[in-house]
C-alpha atoms as a PDB file:
ATOM      1  CA  MET A   1      13.308  -8.075 -18.312  1.00  0.00           C
ATOM      2  CA  PRO A   2      11.703  -9.925 -21.235  1.00  0.00           C
ATOM      3  CA  ALA A   3      11.810 -13.693 -21.243  1.00  0.00           C
ATOM      4  CA  ILE A   4      13.224 -15.671 -24.160  1.00  0.00           C
ATOM      5  CA  ARG A   5      11.471 -18.876 -25.146  1.00  0.00           C
ATOM      6  CA  ASN A   6      11.523 -21.311 -28.048  1.00  0.00           C
ATOM      7  CA  SER A   7       8.690 -20.751 -30.537  1.00  0.00           C
ATOM      8  CA  ASN A   8       7.385 -24.272 -29.849  1.00  0.00           C
ATOM      9  CA  ASP A   9       6.556 -23.125 -26.324  1.00  0.00           C
ATOM     10  CA  LEU A  10       3.847 -20.864 -27.726  1.00  0.00           C
ATOM     11  CA  MET A  11       1.793 -23.893 -28.729  1.00  0.00           C
ATOM     12  CA  ASN A  12       2.871 -26.236 -25.963  1.00  0.00           C
ATOM     13  CA  ASN A  13       2.720 -23.769 -23.059  1.00  0.00           C
ATOM     14  CA  PHE A  14       0.293 -21.093 -24.228  1.00  0.00           C
ATOM     15  CA  ASN A  15      -1.375 -20.641 -20.824  1.00  0.00           C
ATOM     16  CA  GLU A  16       1.978 -20.221 -19.069  1.00  0.00           C
ATOM     17  CA  ILE A  17       3.125 -17.646 -21.646  1.00  0.00           C
ATOM     18  CA  ARG A  18      -0.202 -15.792 -21.432  1.00  0.00           C
ATOM     19  CA  ASP A  19      -0.011 -15.681 -17.640  1.00  0.00           C
ATOM     20  CA  PHE A  20       3.569 -14.399 -17.721  1.00  0.00           C
ATOM     21  CA  CYS A  21       2.670 -11.610 -20.175  1.00  0.00           C
ATOM     22  CA  GLN A  22      -0.358 -10.565 -18.143  1.00  0.00           C
ATOM     23  CA  ASN A  23       1.290 -10.758 -14.731  1.00  0.00           C
ATOM     24  CA  TYR A  24       4.603  -9.129 -15.572  1.00  0.00           C
ATOM     25  CA  ARG A  25       3.457  -6.847 -18.436  1.00  0.00           C
ATOM     26  CA  GLU A  26       6.663  -7.757 -20.265  1.00  0.00           C
ATOM     27  CA  PRO A  27       7.048  -9.297 -23.705  1.00  0.00           C
ATOM     28  CA  ILE A  28       8.319 -12.789 -24.335  1.00  0.00           C
ATOM     29  CA  PHE A  29      10.741 -13.100 -27.224  1.00  0.00           C
ATOM     30  CA  LEU A  30      10.198 -16.272 -29.217  1.00  0.00           C
ATOM     31  CA  THR A  31      13.095 -17.866 -31.061  1.00  0.00           C
ATOM     32  CA  ASN A  32      13.218 -20.332 -33.922  1.00  0.00           C
ATOM     33  CA  ASN A  33      16.444 -22.318 -34.281  1.00  0.00           C
ATOM     34  CA  GLY A  34      18.134 -19.879 -31.902  1.00  0.00           C
ATOM     35  CA  GLN A  35      17.163 -16.805 -33.914  1.00  0.00           C
ATOM     36  CA  GLY A  36      14.741 -14.156 -32.684  1.00  0.00           C
ATOM     37  CA  GLU A  37      11.403 -14.374 -34.508  1.00  0.00           C
ATOM     38  CA  LEU A  38       8.580 -12.733 -32.549  1.00  0.00           C
ATOM     39  CA  ALA A  39       7.754 -10.741 -29.454  1.00  0.00           C
ATOM     40  CA  VAL A  40       4.534 -11.641 -27.636  1.00  0.00           C
ATOM     41  CA  MET A  41       2.835  -9.373 -25.087  1.00  0.00           C
ATOM     42  CA  SER A  42      -0.547  -8.867 -23.482  1.00  0.00           C
ATOM     43  CA  ILE A  43      -3.062  -6.638 -25.238  1.00  0.00           C
ATOM     44  CA  GLU A  44      -3.053  -4.285 -22.238  1.00  0.00           C
ATOM     45  CA  ALA A  45       0.739  -3.882 -22.381  1.00  0.00           C
ATOM     46  CA  TYR A  46       0.580  -3.385 -26.147  1.00  0.00           C
ATOM     47  CA  GLU A  47      -2.115  -0.701 -25.877  1.00  0.00           C
ATOM     48  CA  GLU A  48      -0.110   1.079 -23.167  1.00  0.00           C
ATOM     49  CA  LEU A  49       2.999   0.983 -25.360  1.00  0.00           C
ATOM     50  CA  VAL A  50       1.123   2.344 -28.384  1.00  0.00           C
ATOM     51  CA  GLY A  51      -0.402   5.073 -26.198  1.00  0.00           C
ATOM     52  CA  ARG A  52       3.042   6.141 -25.047  1.00  0.00           C
ATOM     53  CA  ILE A  53       4.335   6.247 -28.608  1.00  0.00           C
ATOM     54  CA  GLU A  54       1.365   8.385 -29.677  1.00  0.00           C
ATOM     55  CA  LEU A  55       1.923  10.731 -26.723  1.00  0.00           C
ATOM     56  CA  TYR A  56       5.641  11.084 -27.459  1.00  0.00           C
ATOM     57  CA  HIS A  57       4.814  11.788 -31.109  1.00  0.00           C
ATOM     58  CA  ALA A  58       2.298  14.506 -30.152  1.00  0.00           C
ATOM     59  CA  LEU A  59       4.794  16.068 -27.738  1.00  0.00           C
ATOM     60  CA  GLN A  60       7.503  16.055 -30.399  1.00  0.00           C
ATOM     61  CA  MET A  61       5.128  17.707 -32.877  1.00  0.00           C
ATOM     62  CA  GLY A  62       4.410  20.432 -30.314  1.00  0.00           C
ATOM     63  CA  LEU A  63       8.100  20.987 -29.644  1.00  0.00           C
ATOM     64  CA  ASP A  64       8.762  21.185 -33.388  1.00  0.00           C
ATOM     65  CA  GLN A  65       6.005  23.767 -33.761  1.00  0.00           C
ATOM     66  CA  ILE A  66       7.472  25.852 -30.933  1.00  0.00           C
ATOM     67  CA  ASN A  67      10.949  25.630 -32.466  1.00  0.00           C
ATOM     68  CA  ASN A  68       9.515  26.726 -35.838  1.00  0.00           C
ATOM     69  CA  GLY A  69       7.793  29.709 -34.268  1.00  0.00           C
ATOM     70  CA  GLU A  70       4.323  28.255 -34.836  1.00  0.00           C
ATOM     71  CA  VAL A  71       2.845  29.536 -31.594  1.00  0.00           C
ATOM     72  CA  VAL A  72      -0.417  31.182 -30.595  1.00  0.00           C
ATOM     73  CA  GLU A  73      -0.511  33.917 -27.991  1.00  0.00           C
ATOM     74  CA  GLU A  74      -2.437  33.201 -24.810  1.00  0.00           C
ATOM     75  CA  GLU A  75      -5.259  35.649 -25.515  1.00  0.00           C
ATOM     76  CA  GLU A  76      -5.855  34.222 -28.985  1.00  0.00           C
ATOM     77  CA  MET A  77      -5.803  30.677 -27.628  1.00  0.00           C
ATOM     78  CA  MET A  78      -8.298  31.547 -24.894  1.00  0.00           C
ATOM     79  CA  GLY A  79     -10.611  32.951 -27.582  1.00  0.00           C
ATOM     80  CA  ILE A  80     -10.304  29.736 -29.580  1.00  0.00           C
ATOM     81  CA  LEU A  81     -11.004  27.600 -26.498  1.00  0.00           C
ATOM     82  CA  ASN A  82     -13.963  29.754 -25.481  1.00  0.00           C
ATOM     83  CA  ASN A  83     -15.600  28.997 -28.836  1.00  0.00           C
ATOM     84  CA  TYR A  84     -15.634  25.301 -27.864  1.00  0.00           C
ATOM     85  CA  ILE A  85     -17.090  25.760 -24.381  1.00  0.00           C
ATOM     86  CA  VAL A  86     -20.761  24.811 -24.260  1.00  0.00           C
ATOM     87  CA  LYS A  87     -22.771  27.555 -22.619  1.00  0.00           C
END
């Protein structure tokens, strides 16, 4: 579960926040005057999240193509793939 901290903690306790983000791979939500302002996470967790979003997007595009009848028969696809195989 993400932690919630005051935005001042980012400056005053940067190392502690960094360690939390890296160890738990969870974001920390920073507040300002009790209102949510920012979410902070490790670069590794961010890259993993972006990778998942890109994968889900690609899968959804494929499902949309199938639903729209935009498919290639197996034999045609094998021919296309064979053109890319280095011999």
